Amino acid sequence: MAGRDTHETTLEILCQRCRRAGVAVGVGGAGGALGAGGAALHLPFAYVVFVVAGVALLPAYLTGAMFLSNLLHRKLPPRFHPGCRPVSVIVCARNEEKGIYGTIGSIAQQEYDGRVTILCVDNGSTDGTMAEMRRAAADFSRPSRVIRLFGCCEPGKARALNEGLRHVRDEYFVTVDADTRLETSALAAIVGRIAATGAGCVAGNLVSAGARTWVQKMQFWDYFVSIAAIKRYQGSYGATLVAQGAFSAYETAAVRAAGGWTDGAGEDIVLTYRLLAAGRRSLYEPRAVGFTDVPATLGALARQRSRWARGMFEGLAAVKPWSQPDAFAGYFETLNLSIVWLDLAYIFGFVPGVALALLGMPWLAGWLTLLVLPLMLIGTASVCRFQRRLPEMEARGSAWGFLLFVLVFQVVQSACSLWGYAAALTRRGIDWKR
């Protein structure tokens, strides 16, 4: 009896604390009851703890750790001059007729003193992609800018990348997606960073190229605030988990030793994890800016983010967190896995709770829980302010897009991620694109 009384007393204390936080919780029968005004919804107490921790404690920890770390690592090393170091750039494309010419042009016109060999790989395109590659080669080729064209009939981005890797003859190479254009000094910044540090790979700073639709307006702030801050955080410890294929630099020997890219939704994630597992550092260079096309529709965004989520699972399956020789790499991998918890709690707890509260039914969330929304706005704005003060960052997004990003984007992100997790578990097929 004494043990039971102690258990019930502890449970009541936890419930009282939840009530003070704006969540109405009661203990009854086999589970808890969340409700107000006489309306009660009986739910397991474990569910309450799962949701509260997933949507409040975990994000608070992640945001706080990232923000403080970025403040501590605010000062970056000076720009490294690569001199006349030759470098190769792999550009893979499948049905990218509209943008491939501009991408090749942005690479060929870089402010870079050394020789640049651009390896263009057409992965079985059915449109005029190869014709546009030939046009770019004719227009931009010169002694210091060698453009070579290849075909890869086997479908799959990983196969196309490996075909390009076969032709690399330089110590370092860079990957650029067909829908990414480089800022004029981007190549010098990223090659200079990897050459000076001896890292296995360096991720570039991707920025949304345009914001025409409301979906793109949200994504601008996702790239500017979330993705950039996370990469800076991880890179400060030499463990950036994703050297994205859209724009990253690699040491050729390290990639070949890791076996190149593997088929899957997250070929760049798996490669980065393997480089970290081999004891090589993975860094982030914010001064290497690439402008990438982002999905314009909700459906396209859903497909992209579900691929990213599936790619995270593929990376975790390829290299377990506890097998990483570097403690920070293992730590960040583990944090990545905790994002699954956040997505589940957000979609199945917070979102329906807020929706019901706004309808006058605070069954899953009390009225004070709605304070999370302005707190999210304030927290995101503080990170944004930090990013804007960095010399290499420039915010061009709209205030309307920022508001959508804070209030809507996480719903879309979590829902799409759950789709990707399900696809990974059921081993569904994947698209070519990243």
Protein backbone atom coordinates (compact mmCIF):
# COMPACT_ATOMS: atom_id res chain seq x y z
CA MET A 1 0.00 0.00 0.00
CA ALA A 2 2.80 2.37 0.87
CA GLY A 3 4.41 1.89 -2.56
CA ARG A 4 1.09 2.44 -4.29
CA ASP A 5 0.46 5.61 -2.26
CA THR A 6 3.88 6.93 -3.16
CA HIS A 7 3.27 6.21 -6.84
CA GLU A 8 -0.08 7.98 -6.82
CA THR A 9 1.37 10.96 -4.92
CA THR A 10 4.17 11.33 -7.48
CA LEU A 11 1.69 11.05 -10.33
CA GLU A 12 -0.51 13.74 -8.78
CA ILE A 13 2.48 16.07 -8.42
CA LEU A 14 3.34 15.60 -12.10
CA CYS A 15 -0.26 16.24 -13.07
CA GLN A 16 -0.33 19.43 -11.00
CA ARG A 17 2.79 20.65 -12.79
CA CYS A 18 1.20 19.91 -16.15
CA ARG A 19 -1.88 21.89 -15.12
CA ARG A 20 0.28 24.86 -14.21
CA ALA A 21 1.84 24.61 -17.69
CA GLY A 22 -1.58 24.86 -19.26
CA VAL A 23 -2.33 21.17 -19.76
CA ALA A 24 -5.35 19.90 -17.83
CA VAL A 25 -4.47 16.42 -16.63
CA GLY A 26 -6.26 14.15 -14.19
CA VAL A 27 -5.66 10.59 -13.08
CA GLY A 28 -8.41 8.11 -13.52
CA GLY A 29 -8.55 4.39 -14.05
CA ALA A 30 -5.81 3.08 -16.27
CA GLY A 31 -4.90 6.43 -17.70
CA GLY A 32 -4.99 10.17 -17.43
CA ALA A 33 -7.82 12.52 -18.29
CA LEU A 34 -7.17 15.73 -20.15
CA GLY A 35 -10.02 18.19 -20.13
CA ALA A 36 -11.65 21.36 -18.93
CA GLY A 37 -15.10 22.66 -18.12
CA GLY A 38 -16.47 19.25 -17.25
CA ALA A 39 -15.50 17.69 -20.56
CA ALA A 40 -12.90 15.00 -20.03
CA LEU A 41 -10.96 12.87 -22.45
CA HIS A 42 -9.25 9.88 -20.87
CA LEU A 43 -5.75 9.32 -22.16
CA PRO A 44 -2.76 7.35 -20.87
CA PHE A 45 -0.49 9.45 -18.72
CA ALA A 46 2.49 8.16 -20.73
CA TYR A 47 0.95 9.76 -23.82
CA VAL A 48 0.80 13.12 -22.04
CA VAL A 49 4.45 12.87 -21.03
CA PHE A 50 5.42 11.76 -24.57
CA VAL A 51 3.71 14.75 -26.18
CA VAL A 52 4.83 17.38 -23.67
CA ALA A 53 8.45 16.22 -23.82
CA GLY A 54 8.37 15.87 -27.60
CA VAL A 55 6.94 19.30 -28.42
CA ALA A 56 8.42 21.33 -25.56
CA LEU A 57 11.43 19.85 -23.78
CA LEU A 58 13.21 18.28 -26.77
CA PRO A 59 12.87 21.34 -29.09
CA ALA A 60 13.90 23.64 -26.26
CA TYR A 61 17.04 21.59 -25.65
CA LEU A 62 17.93 21.39 -29.35
CA THR A 63 17.33 25.09 -29.98
CA GLY A 64 19.17 26.20 -26.84
CA ALA A 65 22.20 23.98 -27.48
CA MET A 66 22.40 25.08 -31.12
CA PHE A 67 22.04 28.79 -30.34
CA LEU A 68 24.62 28.81 -27.53
CA SER A 69 27.06 26.77 -29.56
CA ASN A 70 26.75 29.08 -32.55
CA LEU A 71 27.44 32.06 -30.29
CA LEU A 72 30.58 30.38 -28.97
CA HIS A 73 31.77 29.54 -32.48
CA ARG A 74 30.75 32.82 -34.03
CA LYS A 75 34.21 33.77 -35.20
CA LEU A 76 35.27 31.76 -38.21
CA PRO A 77 38.79 31.20 -39.52
CA PRO A 78 39.91 33.67 -42.18
CA ARG A 79 39.22 32.93 -45.81
CA PHE A 80 41.68 30.43 -47.22
CA HIS A 81 43.16 31.14 -50.61
CA PRO A 82 43.33 28.00 -52.73
CA GLY A 83 45.95 29.44 -55.08
CA CYS A 84 46.03 27.64 -58.40
CA ARG A 85 44.88 24.28 -57.06
CA PRO A 86 43.04 22.36 -59.81
CA VAL A 87 39.62 21.03 -58.94
CA SER A 88 36.89 18.95 -60.58
CA VAL A 89 33.16 19.66 -60.37
CA ILE A 90 30.61 16.87 -60.93
CA VAL A 91 27.19 17.93 -62.23
CA CYS A 92 24.62 15.15 -62.64
CA ALA A 93 21.34 15.77 -64.41
CA ARG A 94 18.21 13.95 -65.38
CA ASN A 95 15.64 15.93 -67.42
CA GLU A 96 17.07 19.31 -66.40
CA GLU A 97 16.81 21.00 -69.78
CA LYS A 98 15.61 24.32 -68.34
CA GLY A 99 18.37 24.95 -65.82
CA ILE A 100 21.49 22.96 -66.69
CA TYR A 101 22.96 25.65 -68.99
CA GLY A 102 22.83 28.28 -66.24
CA THR A 103 24.33 25.89 -63.69
CA ILE A 104 27.32 25.04 -65.89
CA GLY A 105 27.74 28.72 -66.69
CA SER A 106 27.82 29.69 -63.00
CA ILE A 107 30.64 27.16 -62.42
CA ALA A 108 32.66 28.15 -65.49
CA GLN A 109 32.46 31.84 -64.58
CA GLN A 110 33.75 31.43 -61.01
CA GLU A 111 36.37 33.83 -59.65
CA TYR A 112 38.84 31.00 -59.30
CA ASP A 113 42.49 31.11 -60.39
CA GLY A 114 43.04 27.40 -60.83
CA ARG A 115 41.89 25.01 -63.52
CA VAL A 116 38.31 23.80 -63.17
CA THR A 117 37.22 20.57 -64.87
CA ILE A 118 33.44 20.33 -65.10
CA LEU A 119 32.25 16.73 -65.44
CA CYS A 120 28.66 16.72 -66.71
CA VAL A 121 26.83 13.41 -66.42
CA ASP A 122 23.47 12.90 -68.14
CA ASN A 123 21.54 10.13 -66.40
CA GLY A 124 19.23 8.95 -69.17
CA SER A 125 17.38 12.21 -69.80
CA THR A 126 14.43 12.12 -72.17
CA ASP A 127 14.40 15.88 -72.86
CA GLY A 128 17.02 18.26 -74.26
CA THR A 129 19.39 18.10 -71.28
CA MET A 130 22.33 16.70 -73.27
CA ALA A 131 21.84 19.31 -76.00
CA GLU A 132 21.97 22.07 -73.38
CA MET A 133 25.14 20.53 -71.94
CA ARG A 134 26.75 20.63 -75.39
CA ARG A 135 25.68 24.27 -75.83
CA ALA A 136 27.20 25.18 -72.45
CA ALA A 137 30.43 23.35 -73.34
CA ALA A 138 30.67 25.30 -76.58
CA ASP A 139 30.00 28.66 -74.89
CA PHE A 140 32.04 28.36 -71.69
CA SER A 141 35.02 26.12 -72.50
CA ARG A 142 38.51 27.67 -72.36
CA PRO A 143 41.97 26.45 -71.26
CA SER A 144 41.23 27.01 -67.56
CA ARG A 145 37.67 25.68 -67.80
CA VAL A 146 37.50 22.17 -69.21
CA ILE A 147 33.96 20.83 -69.75
CA ARG A 148 33.55 17.10 -70.41
CA LEU A 149 30.25 15.34 -71.11
CA PHE A 150 29.32 11.78 -70.16
CA GLY A 151 26.27 9.60 -70.26
CA CYS A 152 25.10 7.11 -67.65
CA CYS A 153 22.32 4.83 -68.83
CA GLU A 154 21.83 3.06 -65.50
CA PRO A 155 19.09 4.98 -63.64
CA GLY A 156 19.85 6.46 -60.24
CA LYS A 157 21.61 9.57 -59.00
CA ALA A 158 24.21 7.54 -57.08
CA ARG A 159 25.22 5.73 -60.27
CA ALA A 160 25.54 9.04 -62.12
CA LEU A 161 27.71 10.48 -59.34
CA ASN A 162 29.94 7.40 -59.33
CA GLU A 163 30.32 7.72 -63.09
CA GLY A 164 31.54 11.28 -62.60
CA LEU A 165 33.86 10.18 -59.79
CA ARG A 166 35.52 7.70 -62.16
CA HIS A 167 36.76 10.61 -64.26
CA VAL A 168 38.04 12.82 -61.43
CA ARG A 169 41.82 13.30 -61.62
CA ASP A 170 42.23 16.05 -59.00
CA GLU A 171 42.86 15.85 -55.26
CA TYR A 172 39.52 17.51 -54.53
CA PHE A 173 36.19 17.64 -56.28
CA VAL A 174 32.89 19.46 -55.80
CA THR A 175 29.34 18.25 -56.47
CA VAL A 176 26.73 20.69 -57.74
CA ASP A 177 23.10 19.84 -58.50
CA ALA A 178 21.72 20.71 -61.90
CA ASP A 179 19.31 23.22 -60.35
CA THR A 180 21.94 25.04 -58.26
CA ARG A 181 23.84 28.16 -59.31
CA LEU A 182 26.99 29.24 -57.49
CA GLU A 183 27.79 32.71 -56.20
CA THR A 184 30.93 33.93 -57.97
CA SER A 185 33.34 33.27 -55.06
CA ALA A 186 31.70 30.07 -53.83
CA LEU A 187 34.18 27.66 -55.41
CA ALA A 188 37.20 29.51 -54.00
CA ALA A 189 35.65 29.54 -50.52
CA ILE A 190 34.75 25.86 -50.37
CA VAL A 191 37.92 24.52 -52.01
CA GLY A 192 40.03 26.81 -49.85
CA ARG A 193 38.33 25.48 -46.72
CA ILE A 194 38.78 21.78 -47.48
CA ALA A 195 42.36 22.22 -48.69
CA ALA A 196 43.40 24.17 -45.59
CA THR A 197 41.71 21.94 -43.02
CA GLY A 198 42.29 18.45 -44.39
CA ALA A 199 38.62 17.59 -43.91
CA GLY A 200 37.01 14.70 -45.73
CA CYS A 201 34.16 16.91 -46.93
CA VAL A 202 32.81 20.45 -46.59
CA ALA A 203 29.16 21.39 -47.03
CA GLY A 204 28.34 24.61 -48.84
CA ASN A 205 25.75 27.18 -47.79
CA LEU A 206 22.57 26.60 -49.81
CA VAL A 207 20.10 29.46 -50.19
CA SER A 208 16.68 29.40 -51.83
CA ALA A 209 17.00 30.83 -55.34
CA GLY A 210 13.46 32.17 -55.59
CA ALA A 211 10.29 32.71 -53.61
CA ARG A 212 7.34 32.97 -55.96
CA THR A 213 4.81 30.70 -54.23
CA TRP A 214 3.87 30.57 -50.56
CA VAL A 215 5.58 27.17 -50.34
CA GLN A 216 8.85 28.69 -51.56
CA LYS A 217 8.49 31.69 -49.23
CA MET A 218 8.44 29.31 -46.26
CA GLN A 219 11.43 27.38 -47.51
CA PHE A 220 13.56 30.49 -47.85
CA TRP A 221 13.46 30.88 -44.07
CA ASP A 222 13.95 27.15 -43.51
CA TYR A 223 17.24 27.30 -45.44
CA PHE A 224 18.26 30.63 -43.92
CA VAL A 225 17.40 29.87 -40.28
CA SER A 226 17.10 26.14 -39.65
CA ILE A 227 19.38 24.38 -42.11
CA ALA A 228 22.19 26.94 -41.96
CA ALA A 229 22.15 27.10 -38.16
CA ILE A 230 22.15 23.31 -37.79
CA LYS A 231 25.05 22.89 -40.20
CA ARG A 232 27.01 25.62 -38.46
CA TYR A 233 26.31 23.93 -35.11
CA GLN A 234 27.45 20.49 -36.26
CA GLY A 235 30.35 21.82 -38.32
CA SER A 236 31.76 23.64 -35.29
CA TYR A 237 32.60 20.18 -33.94
CA GLY A 238 33.77 18.72 -37.25
CA ALA A 239 30.65 16.60 -37.62
CA THR A 240 28.27 18.14 -40.14
CA LEU A 241 26.00 15.16 -40.78
CA VAL A 242 25.02 16.02 -44.34
CA ALA A 243 27.46 17.24 -46.94
CA GLN A 244 24.61 17.70 -49.38
CA GLY A 245 25.03 16.66 -52.98
CA ALA A 246 23.59 19.98 -54.14
CA PHE A 247 26.84 21.76 -53.23
CA SER A 248 29.71 20.20 -51.27
CA ALA A 249 33.45 19.60 -51.61
CA TYR A 250 35.18 16.26 -51.06
CA GLU A 251 38.65 14.78 -50.87
CA THR A 252 38.79 12.37 -53.80
CA ALA A 253 40.82 9.65 -52.08
CA ALA A 254 38.54 9.68 -49.02
CA VAL A 255 35.39 9.24 -51.11
CA ARG A 256 36.91 6.42 -53.13
CA ALA A 257 38.03 4.69 -49.94
CA ALA A 258 34.45 4.99 -48.63
CA GLY A 259 33.13 3.28 -51.76
CA GLY A 260 31.51 6.32 -53.34
CA TRP A 261 27.75 6.74 -53.26
CA THR A 262 25.21 4.00 -52.63
CA ASP A 263 21.72 3.73 -54.13
CA GLY A 264 19.00 5.22 -51.98
CA ALA A 265 17.10 8.36 -51.10
CA GLY A 266 19.98 9.71 -49.01
CA GLU A 267 23.13 8.85 -50.93
CA ASP A 268 24.83 12.05 -49.70
CA ILE A 269 23.87 11.32 -46.07
CA VAL A 270 25.25 7.78 -46.19
CA LEU A 271 28.51 8.98 -47.74
CA THR A 272 28.94 11.66 -45.06
CA TYR A 273 28.32 9.14 -42.28
CA ARG A 274 30.89 6.79 -43.80
CA LEU A 275 33.49 9.55 -44.05
CA LEU A 276 32.90 10.37 -40.38
CA ALA A 277 33.15 6.67 -39.50
CA ALA A 278 36.53 6.61 -41.29
CA GLY A 279 37.76 9.31 -38.92
CA ARG A 280 37.47 12.21 -41.36
CA ARG A 281 35.96 15.56 -40.39
CA SER A 282 32.89 17.01 -42.06
CA LEU A 283 32.74 20.83 -42.02
CA TYR A 284 30.47 23.66 -43.15
CA GLU A 285 31.55 26.75 -45.09
CA PRO A 286 28.93 29.55 -44.88
CA ARG A 287 30.86 31.78 -47.30
CA ALA A 288 30.43 29.23 -50.08
CA VAL A 289 26.94 30.20 -51.25
CA GLY A 290 24.87 28.27 -53.75
CA PHE A 291 21.41 29.30 -54.92
CA THR A 292 19.18 26.28 -55.34
CA ASP A 293 15.70 25.88 -56.77
CA VAL A 294 13.27 24.75 -54.09
CA PRO A 295 9.92 22.98 -54.62
CA ALA A 296 7.17 25.34 -55.73
CA THR A 297 4.19 23.18 -54.74
CA LEU A 298 3.15 21.43 -51.57
CA GLY A 299 3.25 18.05 -53.31
CA ALA A 300 6.81 18.58 -54.54
CA LEU A 301 7.89 19.71 -51.07
CA ALA A 302 6.29 16.63 -49.53
CA ARG A 303 8.19 14.33 -51.88
CA GLN A 304 11.47 16.10 -51.20
CA ARG A 305 11.21 16.14 -47.41
CA SER A 306 10.02 12.54 -47.27
CA ARG A 307 13.14 11.58 -49.24
CA TRP A 308 15.28 13.48 -46.76
CA ALA A 309 13.62 11.67 -43.85
CA ARG A 310 14.13 8.33 -45.54
CA GLY A 311 17.74 9.25 -46.22
CA MET A 312 18.27 9.86 -42.50
CA PHE A 313 17.11 6.31 -41.79
CA GLU A 314 19.44 4.99 -44.48
CA GLY A 315 22.36 6.83 -42.88
CA LEU A 316 21.53 5.45 -39.43
CA ALA A 317 21.26 1.95 -40.88
CA ALA A 318 24.62 2.26 -42.66
CA VAL A 319 26.56 3.64 -39.68
CA LYS A 320 25.14 3.29 -36.17
CA PRO A 321 25.68 6.23 -33.78
CA TRP A 322 27.63 4.07 -31.32
CA SER A 323 30.01 2.93 -34.05
CA GLN A 324 31.18 6.47 -34.87
CA PRO A 325 34.75 6.93 -33.62
CA ASP A 326 34.11 10.62 -32.95
CA ALA A 327 31.91 11.34 -29.93
CA PHE A 328 30.32 14.42 -31.51
CA ALA A 329 29.40 12.51 -34.68
CA GLY A 330 27.72 9.82 -32.59
CA TYR A 331 25.97 12.47 -30.49
CA PHE A 332 24.56 14.30 -33.51
CA GLU A 333 23.43 11.03 -35.10
CA THR A 334 21.55 10.21 -31.90
CA LEU A 335 19.93 13.65 -31.92
CA ASN A 336 18.83 13.01 -35.49
CA LEU A 337 17.04 9.87 -34.33
CA SER A 338 15.24 11.87 -31.63
CA ILE A 339 13.65 13.98 -34.37
CA VAL A 340 11.37 11.01 -35.05
CA TRP A 341 10.00 11.50 -31.54
CA LEU A 342 9.45 15.20 -32.17
CA ASP A 343 7.58 14.54 -35.43
CA LEU A 344 5.29 11.94 -33.83
CA ALA A 345 4.52 14.13 -30.81
CA TYR A 346 3.92 17.18 -32.97
CA ILE A 347 1.51 15.54 -35.41
CA PHE A 348 -0.36 13.31 -32.99
CA GLY A 349 -0.34 15.57 -29.95
CA PHE A 350 0.41 19.23 -30.37
CA VAL A 351 -1.35 19.93 -33.68
CA PRO A 352 -4.69 18.30 -32.81
CA GLY A 353 -4.47 19.75 -29.30
CA VAL A 354 -4.04 23.32 -30.56
CA ALA A 355 -6.77 22.83 -33.18
CA LEU A 356 -9.25 21.64 -30.55
CA ALA A 357 -8.28 24.43 -28.15
CA LEU A 358 -8.91 27.05 -30.84
CA LEU A 359 -12.35 25.50 -31.34
CA GLY A 360 -13.13 25.89 -27.65
CA MET A 361 -12.32 22.31 -26.66
CA PRO A 362 -9.11 22.27 -24.60
CA TRP A 363 -9.08 18.48 -24.28
CA LEU A 364 -5.51 17.79 -25.34
CA ALA A 365 -4.03 21.20 -24.59
CA GLY A 366 -4.99 23.91 -22.13
CA TRP A 367 -5.26 27.53 -23.13
CA LEU A 368 -1.83 28.36 -21.74
CA THR A 369 -0.36 25.77 -24.11
CA LEU A 370 -1.16 28.17 -26.94
CA LEU A 371 1.62 30.37 -25.57
CA VAL A 372 3.96 27.95 -27.33
CA LEU A 373 3.05 29.62 -30.62
CA PRO A 374 4.30 33.14 -29.77
CA LEU A 375 7.26 31.59 -27.98
CA MET A 376 8.10 29.72 -31.19
CA LEU A 377 7.90 33.02 -33.06
CA ILE A 378 10.20 34.75 -30.59
CA GLY A 379 12.71 31.89 -30.53
CA THR A 380 12.88 31.63 -34.32
CA ALA A 381 13.21 35.41 -34.64
CA SER A 382 16.19 35.39 -32.25
CA VAL A 383 17.99 32.73 -34.33
CA CYS A 384 17.15 34.69 -37.48
CA ARG A 385 18.60 37.86 -35.95
CA PHE A 386 21.79 35.98 -35.16
CA GLN A 387 22.05 34.67 -38.72
CA ARG A 388 21.47 38.14 -40.22
CA ARG A 389 24.39 39.58 -38.25
CA LEU A 390 26.83 37.14 -39.80
CA PRO A 391 28.75 38.81 -42.66
CA GLU A 392 28.18 36.00 -45.13
CA MET A 393 24.41 35.78 -44.55
CA GLU A 394 21.85 38.03 -46.16
CA ALA A 395 18.12 37.68 -45.57
CA ARG A 396 15.96 38.53 -48.57
CA GLY A 397 12.83 36.70 -47.52
CA SER A 398 9.49 38.29 -46.84
CA ALA A 399 7.89 38.87 -43.44
CA TRP A 400 4.83 36.98 -44.68
CA GLY A 401 7.01 33.99 -45.53
CA PHE A 402 8.63 34.15 -42.11
CA LEU A 403 5.23 34.03 -40.39
CA LEU A 404 4.22 31.05 -42.54
CA PHE A 405 7.50 29.36 -41.70
CA VAL A 406 6.94 29.70 -37.95
CA LEU A 407 3.25 28.74 -37.88
CA VAL A 408 2.85 26.28 -40.77
CA PHE A 409 6.15 24.83 -41.89
CA GLN A 410 6.70 22.45 -38.97
CA VAL A 411 3.30 20.87 -39.61
CA VAL A 412 4.27 20.20 -43.22
CA GLN A 413 7.79 19.10 -42.28
CA SER A 414 6.67 16.62 -39.60
CA ALA A 415 3.89 15.14 -41.75
CA CYS A 416 6.24 14.66 -44.70
CA SER A 417 8.92 13.18 -42.46
CA LEU A 418 6.48 10.60 -41.09
CA TRP A 419 5.68 9.68 -44.69
CA GLY A 420 9.39 9.21 -45.34
CA TYR A 421 9.86 7.09 -42.20
CA ALA A 422 6.99 4.85 -43.32
CA ALA A 423 8.52 4.55 -46.79
CA ALA A 424 11.85 3.56 -45.26
CA LEU A 425 10.24 0.89 -43.07
CA THR A 426 8.20 -0.50 -45.98
CA ARG A 427 11.08 -0.19 -48.45
CA ARG A 428 9.04 1.71 -51.01
CA GLY A 429 10.64 2.91 -54.21
CA ILE A 430 12.25 6.33 -54.55
CA ASP A 431 12.55 9.08 -57.14
CA TRP A 432 15.79 10.06 -58.87
CA LYS A 433 16.05 13.56 -57.53
CA ARG A 434 17.62 14.40 -54.26
